[in-house]
Amino acid sequence: MIRSRIGVAKATYMSSVGSAQMLSNIHLSQAKFTESEIAALEGDEQFAAWVRMAANEFGTTTGRPRDICRLDLDLLRYHIKVVGGINCLAVTHLDIARPDMAIPVVSHYIHKVTGRRVPAQPGIQERSTKLEPVVYYLPGWDGTAVQRARSVNELPREALRYLSFLQRQVGVPIVFVTTGPRREQAFTV
């Protein structure tokens, strides 16, 4: 008699490791970046390089850099409805955002030839040459302020708006957030 099936997703990005690349992957030219190298990048590459370093997105055992991907709402919706029967969401890494950096979010995919919307589904990576992600850019917020928050009322307004947007897009309530890497940096919403 399981009443709550809680899915877990990172707030502002996705990461992956392995040979198959997700369609929302942001290609980076190197594994590690200094602050000045990040500042020299632009757009999605700057966001991905900063995320990899700020969130320490490297394999625990191997140290291998993880691929940084745009948050893929279509894929998240698919896993919520079809794969997991998820009825609420825990959102982690809410502190991985900056006010001066837009957050790239994939809404859905369009087939390059037909122009039709293509739903997320297993094996979508195999058709990646024919699919184009539709990317929206949402405003960031002060991740340091998020780390100091101890309740939802203390979160920056922009972060609250983003959580509300995310709930509407995926169709399930967000019931839990993490605001940093420490155990005490988490609370119910």
C-alpha atoms as a PDB file:
ATOM      1  CA  MET A   1       0.000   0.000   0.000  1.00  0.00           C
ATOM      2  CA  ILE A   2       2.456   2.622  -1.198  1.00  0.00           C
ATOM      3  CA  ARG A   3       0.787   6.028  -1.164  1.00  0.00           C
ATOM      4  CA  SER A   4       3.694   8.273  -2.137  1.00  0.00           C
ATOM      5  CA  ARG A   5       6.080   7.550  -4.967  1.00  0.00           C
ATOM      6  CA  ILE A   6       8.635  10.337  -4.725  1.00  0.00           C
ATOM      7  CA  GLY A   7      10.786  11.003  -7.752  1.00  0.00           C
ATOM      8  CA  VAL A   8      14.112  12.816  -7.342  1.00  0.00           C
ATOM      9  CA  ALA A   9      15.432  15.368  -9.838  1.00  0.00           C
ATOM     10  CA  LYS A  10      18.096  18.039  -9.847  1.00  0.00           C
ATOM     11  CA  ALA A  11      16.548  21.495  -9.975  1.00  0.00           C
ATOM     12  CA  THR A  12      18.444  23.261 -12.748  1.00  0.00           C
ATOM     13  CA  TYR A  13      20.228  20.583 -14.764  1.00  0.00           C
ATOM     14  CA  MET A  14      20.682  16.871 -15.360  1.00  0.00           C
ATOM     15  CA  SER A  15      23.921  14.896 -15.443  1.00  0.00           C
ATOM     16  CA  SER A  16      24.881  11.590 -16.958  1.00  0.00           C
ATOM     17  CA  VAL A  17      27.843   9.324 -17.396  1.00  0.00           C
ATOM     18  CA  GLY A  18      28.498   6.617 -19.966  1.00  0.00           C
ATOM     19  CA  SER A  19      28.754   6.250 -23.711  1.00  0.00           C
ATOM     20  CA  ALA A  20      25.171   7.168 -24.621  1.00  0.00           C
ATOM     21  CA  GLN A  21      24.647  10.910 -24.641  1.00  0.00           C
ATOM     22  CA  MET A  22      21.369  12.481 -23.683  1.00  0.00           C
ATOM     23  CA  LEU A  23      19.783  14.764 -26.260  1.00  0.00           C
ATOM     24  CA  SER A  24      19.949  17.688 -23.851  1.00  0.00           C
ATOM     25  CA  ASN A  25      23.708  17.259 -23.316  1.00  0.00           C
ATOM     26  CA  ILE A  26      25.795  20.435 -23.432  1.00  0.00           C
ATOM     27  CA  HIS A  27      29.116  19.587 -25.042  1.00  0.00           C
ATOM     28  CA  LEU A  28      32.166  20.831 -23.139  1.00  0.00           C
ATOM     29  CA  SER A  29      35.697  20.982 -24.550  1.00  0.00           C
ATOM     30  CA  GLN A  30      37.478  19.949 -21.362  1.00  0.00           C
ATOM     31  CA  ALA A  31      36.902  18.208 -18.037  1.00  0.00           C
ATOM     32  CA  LYS A  32      37.762  20.928 -15.503  1.00  0.00           C
ATOM     33  CA  PHE A  33      37.567  24.692 -15.662  1.00  0.00           C
ATOM     34  CA  THR A  34      39.005  27.615 -13.741  1.00  0.00           C
ATOM     35  CA  GLU A  35      36.833  30.643 -12.939  1.00  0.00           C
ATOM     36  CA  SER A  36      38.537  32.640 -15.713  1.00  0.00           C
ATOM     37  CA  GLU A  37      37.942  29.849 -18.241  1.00  0.00           C
ATOM     38  CA  ILE A  38      34.277  29.724 -17.241  1.00  0.00           C
ATOM     39  CA  ALA A  39      34.007  33.516 -17.587  1.00  0.00           C
ATOM     40  CA  ALA A  40      35.425  33.276 -21.141  1.00  0.00           C
ATOM     41  CA  LEU A  41      32.690  30.858 -22.221  1.00  0.00           C
ATOM     42  CA  GLU A  42      29.214  31.913 -23.324  1.00  0.00           C
ATOM     43  CA  GLY A  43      25.644  30.659 -23.099  1.00  0.00           C
ATOM     44  CA  ASP A  44      24.954  27.012 -22.404  1.00  0.00           C
ATOM     45  CA  GLU A  45      28.654  26.084 -22.356  1.00  0.00           C
ATOM     46  CA  GLN A  46      29.328  28.642 -19.632  1.00  0.00           C
ATOM     47  CA  PHE A  47      26.363  27.327 -17.629  1.00  0.00           C
ATOM     48  CA  ALA A  48      27.483  23.683 -18.003  1.00  0.00           C
ATOM     49  CA  ALA A  49      31.120  24.389 -17.102  1.00  0.00           C
ATOM     50  CA  TRP A  50      30.071  26.353 -14.037  1.00  0.00           C
ATOM     51  CA  VAL A  51      27.592  23.635 -12.978  1.00  0.00           C
ATOM     52  CA  ARG A  52      30.192  20.876 -13.321  1.00  0.00           C
ATOM     53  CA  MET A  53      32.591  22.737 -11.053  1.00  0.00           C
ATOM     54  CA  ALA A  54      30.041  24.177  -8.568  1.00  0.00           C
ATOM     55  CA  ALA A  55      28.190  20.871  -8.122  1.00  0.00           C
ATOM     56  CA  ASN A  56      31.357  18.739  -8.260  1.00  0.00           C
ATOM     57  CA  GLU A  57      29.940  16.623 -11.076  1.00  0.00           C
ATOM     58  CA  PHE A  58      32.753  14.080 -11.191  1.00  0.00           C
ATOM     59  CA  GLY A  59      32.534  10.337 -10.577  1.00  0.00           C
ATOM     60  CA  THR A  60      33.136   9.395  -6.943  1.00  0.00           C
ATOM     61  CA  THR A  61      35.348   6.400  -7.733  1.00  0.00           C
ATOM     62  CA  THR A  62      36.866   7.274 -11.105  1.00  0.00           C
ATOM     63  CA  GLY A  63      36.870  11.075 -10.993  1.00  0.00           C
ATOM     64  CA  ARG A  64      35.455  11.006 -14.511  1.00  0.00           C
ATOM     65  CA  PRO A  65      33.597  14.231 -15.408  1.00  0.00           C
ATOM     66  CA  ARG A  66      29.862  13.761 -15.794  1.00  0.00           C
ATOM     67  CA  ASP A  67      28.076  15.141 -18.823  1.00  0.00           C
ATOM     68  CA  ILE A  68      26.057  18.222 -17.922  1.00  0.00           C
ATOM     69  CA  CYS A  69      22.668  18.395 -19.617  1.00  0.00           C
ATOM     70  CA  ARG A  70      19.894  20.938 -19.807  1.00  0.00           C
ATOM     71  CA  LEU A  71      16.986  20.078 -17.533  1.00  0.00           C
ATOM     72  CA  ASP A  72      14.795  17.991 -19.860  1.00  0.00           C
ATOM     73  CA  LEU A  73      11.162  18.525 -18.862  1.00  0.00           C
ATOM     74  CA  ASP A  74       9.887  16.156 -21.555  1.00  0.00           C
ATOM     75  CA  LEU A  75      12.060  13.317 -20.272  1.00  0.00           C
ATOM     76  CA  LEU A  76      11.174  14.150 -16.664  1.00  0.00           C
ATOM     77  CA  ARG A  77       7.439  14.080 -17.495  1.00  0.00           C
ATOM     78  CA  TYR A  78       7.903  10.718 -19.222  1.00  0.00           C
ATOM     79  CA  HIS A  79       9.606   9.184 -16.190  1.00  0.00           C
ATOM     80  CA  ILE A  80       7.014  10.623 -13.811  1.00  0.00           C
ATOM     81  CA  LYS A  81       4.022   9.300 -15.746  1.00  0.00           C
ATOM     82  CA  VAL A  82       5.215   6.176 -17.514  1.00  0.00           C
ATOM     83  CA  VAL A  83       8.265   4.716 -15.810  1.00  0.00           C
ATOM     84  CA  GLY A  84       7.849   5.421 -12.137  1.00  0.00           C
ATOM     85  CA  GLY A  85       4.215   6.194 -11.445  1.00  0.00           C
ATOM     86  CA  ILE A  86       5.593   9.120  -9.462  1.00  0.00           C
ATOM     87  CA  ASN A  87       3.059  11.322  -7.648  1.00  0.00           C
ATOM     88  CA  CYS A  88       5.387  13.883  -6.036  1.00  0.00           C
ATOM     89  CA  LEU A  89       8.891  15.198  -6.520  1.00  0.00           C
ATOM     90  CA  ALA A  90      11.964  15.910  -4.415  1.00  0.00           C
ATOM     91  CA  VAL A  91      14.149  18.572  -6.035  1.00  0.00           C
ATOM     92  CA  THR A  92      17.857  18.651  -5.226  1.00  0.00           C
ATOM     93  CA  HIS A  93      20.657  21.104  -5.981  1.00  0.00           C
ATOM     94  CA  LEU A  94      18.417  24.189  -5.784  1.00  0.00           C
ATOM     95  CA  ASP A  95      21.569  26.119  -4.855  1.00  0.00           C
ATOM     96  CA  ILE A  96      23.160  25.444  -8.247  1.00  0.00           C
ATOM     97  CA  ALA A  97      22.067  28.717  -9.836  1.00  0.00           C
ATOM     98  CA  ARG A  98      23.416  32.221 -10.299  1.00  0.00           C
ATOM     99  CA  PRO A  99      21.516  35.460 -10.839  1.00  0.00           C
ATOM    100  CA  ASP A 100      23.741  36.372 -13.806  1.00  0.00           C
ATOM    101  CA  MET A 101      23.304  33.042 -15.604  1.00  0.00           C
ATOM    102  CA  ALA A 102      20.136  31.873 -17.374  1.00  0.00           C
ATOM    103  CA  ILE A 103      18.999  28.281 -16.825  1.00  0.00           C
ATOM    104  CA  PRO A 104      18.502  26.339 -20.080  1.00  0.00           C
ATOM    105  CA  VAL A 105      15.447  24.065 -19.943  1.00  0.00           C
ATOM    106  CA  VAL A 106      14.274  21.691 -22.691  1.00  0.00           C
ATOM    107  CA  SER A 107      10.503  21.869 -23.046  1.00  0.00           C
ATOM    108  CA  HIS A 108      10.093  19.220 -25.772  1.00  0.00           C
ATOM    109  CA  TYR A 109      11.554  17.930 -29.050  1.00  0.00           C
ATOM    110  CA  ILE A 110      10.685  18.684 -32.668  1.00  0.00           C
ATOM    111  CA  HIS A 111      11.422  16.327 -35.577  1.00  0.00           C
ATOM    112  CA  LYS A 112      13.728  18.255 -37.925  1.00  0.00           C
ATOM    113  CA  VAL A 113      12.085  16.934 -41.109  1.00  0.00           C
ATOM    114  CA  THR A 114       8.382  16.815 -40.251  1.00  0.00           C
ATOM    115  CA  GLY A 115       8.329  19.679 -37.732  1.00  0.00           C
ATOM    116  CA  ARG A 116       6.161  17.575 -35.429  1.00  0.00           C
ATOM    117  CA  ARG A 117       6.529  17.346 -31.713  1.00  0.00           C
ATOM    118  CA  VAL A 118       8.125  14.048 -30.674  1.00  0.00           C
ATOM    119  CA  PRO A 119       7.380  12.743 -27.175  1.00  0.00           C
ATOM    120  CA  ALA A 120      10.162  11.508 -24.919  1.00  0.00           C
ATOM    121  CA  GLN A 121      10.453   7.746 -24.956  1.00  0.00           C
ATOM    122  CA  PRO A 122      13.017   4.957 -24.584  1.00  0.00           C
ATOM    123  CA  GLY A 123      15.551   4.868 -27.406  1.00  0.00           C
ATOM    124  CA  ILE A 124      15.140   8.554 -28.207  1.00  0.00           C
ATOM    125  CA  GLN A 125      18.952   8.926 -28.264  1.00  0.00           C
ATOM    126  CA  GLU A 126      19.128   6.677 -31.348  1.00  0.00           C
ATOM    127  CA  ARG A 127      17.048   9.211 -33.288  1.00  0.00           C
ATOM    128  CA  SER A 128      18.933  12.220 -31.996  1.00  0.00           C
ATOM    129  CA  THR A 129      20.174  13.305 -35.410  1.00  0.00           C
ATOM    130  CA  LYS A 130      16.563  13.945 -36.420  1.00  0.00           C
ATOM    131  CA  LEU A 131      15.377  15.639 -33.245  1.00  0.00           C
ATOM    132  CA  GLU A 132      15.827  19.242 -32.177  1.00  0.00           C
ATOM    133  CA  PRO A 133      15.339  20.254 -28.535  1.00  0.00           C
ATOM    134  CA  VAL A 134      13.165  23.314 -27.885  1.00  0.00           C
ATOM    135  CA  VAL A 135      15.107  25.237 -25.239  1.00  0.00           C
ATOM    136  CA  TYR A 136      13.800  28.011 -23.004  1.00  0.00           C
ATOM    137  CA  TYR A 137      15.983  30.185 -20.801  1.00  0.00           C
ATOM    138  CA  LEU A 138      14.734  30.983 -17.323  1.00  0.00           C
ATOM    139  CA  PRO A 139      16.227  33.517 -14.914  1.00  0.00           C
ATOM    140  CA  GLY A 140      18.660  32.278 -12.308  1.00  0.00           C
ATOM    141  CA  TRP A 141      18.849  33.289  -8.641  1.00  0.00           C
ATOM    142  CA  ASP A 142      21.333  33.648  -5.817  1.00  0.00           C
ATOM    143  CA  GLY A 143      22.472  30.109  -4.964  1.00  0.00           C
ATOM    144  CA  THR A 144      24.307  31.383  -1.879  1.00  0.00           C
ATOM    145  CA  ALA A 145      21.040  32.803  -0.511  1.00  0.00           C
ATOM    146  CA  VAL A 146      19.410  29.434  -1.199  1.00  0.00           C
ATOM    147  CA  GLN A 147      22.095  27.687   0.859  1.00  0.00           C
ATOM    148  CA  ARG A 148      21.251  29.910   3.845  1.00  0.00           C
ATOM    149  CA  ALA A 149      17.500  29.185   3.650  1.00  0.00           C
ATOM    150  CA  ARG A 150      16.056  26.907   6.333  1.00  0.00           C
ATOM    151  CA  SER A 151      12.451  26.988   5.110  1.00  0.00           C
ATOM    152  CA  VAL A 152      10.572  27.613   1.896  1.00  0.00           C
ATOM    153  CA  ASN A 153       9.725  31.129   3.132  1.00  0.00           C
ATOM    154  CA  GLU A 154      13.435  32.035   3.133  1.00  0.00           C
ATOM    155  CA  LEU A 155      14.062  31.059  -0.502  1.00  0.00           C
ATOM    156  CA  PRO A 156      14.699  33.845  -3.045  1.00  0.00           C
ATOM    157  CA  ARG A 157      11.580  34.870  -4.963  1.00  0.00           C
ATOM    158  CA  GLU A 158      13.131  33.733  -8.271  1.00  0.00           C
ATOM    159  CA  ALA A 159      13.763  30.238  -6.880  1.00  0.00           C
ATOM    160  CA  LEU A 160      10.161  30.012  -5.678  1.00  0.00           C
ATOM    161  CA  ARG A 161       8.897  31.060  -9.115  1.00  0.00           C
ATOM    162  CA  TYR A 162      11.108  28.407 -10.701  1.00  0.00           C
ATOM    163  CA  LEU A 163       9.778  25.681  -8.373  1.00  0.00           C
ATOM    164  CA  SER A 164       6.218  26.738  -9.208  1.00  0.00           C
ATOM    165  CA  PHE A 165       7.047  26.611 -12.942  1.00  0.00           C
ATOM    166  CA  LEU A 166       8.590  23.162 -12.535  1.00  0.00           C
ATOM    167  CA  GLN A 167       5.522  21.828 -10.694  1.00  0.00           C
ATOM    168  CA  ARG A 168       3.198  23.095 -13.429  1.00  0.00           C
ATOM    169  CA  GLN A 169       5.361  21.625 -16.173  1.00  0.00           C
ATOM    170  CA  VAL A 170       5.728  18.116 -14.743  1.00  0.00           C
ATOM    171  CA  GLY A 171       2.255  17.838 -13.215  1.00  0.00           C
ATOM    172  CA  VAL A 172       3.162  16.680  -9.709  1.00  0.00           C
ATOM    173  CA  PRO A 173       3.776  18.655  -6.504  1.00  0.00           C
ATOM    174  CA  ILE A 174       7.267  19.325  -5.216  1.00  0.00           C
ATOM    175  CA  VAL A 175       7.305  18.157  -1.601  1.00  0.00           C
ATOM    176  CA  PHE A 176      11.003  18.376  -0.683  1.00  0.00           C
ATOM    177  CA  VAL A 177      14.042  20.463  -1.703  1.00  0.00           C
ATOM    178  CA  THR A 178      17.726  20.409  -0.937  1.00  0.00           C
ATOM    179  CA  THR A 179      19.555  23.716  -0.753  1.00  0.00           C
ATOM    180  CA  GLY A 180      23.133  22.496  -0.426  1.00  0.00           C
ATOM    181  CA  PRO A 181      25.302  19.433   0.107  1.00  0.00           C
ATOM    182  CA  ARG A 182      24.864  19.127   3.888  1.00  0.00           C
ATOM    183  CA  ARG A 183      22.171  17.009   5.517  1.00  0.00           C
ATOM    184  CA  GLU A 184      20.613  19.992   7.290  1.00  0.00           C
ATOM    185  CA  GLN A 185      20.242  21.848   3.972  1.00  0.00           C
ATOM    186  CA  ALA A 186      16.923  20.194   3.130  1.00  0.00           C
ATOM    187  CA  PHE A 187      13.302  20.776   4.018  1.00  0.00           C
ATOM    188  CA  THR A 188       9.735  19.999   3.001  1.00  0.00           C
ATOM    189  CA  VAL A 189       7.866  22.438   0.814  1.00  0.00           C
END
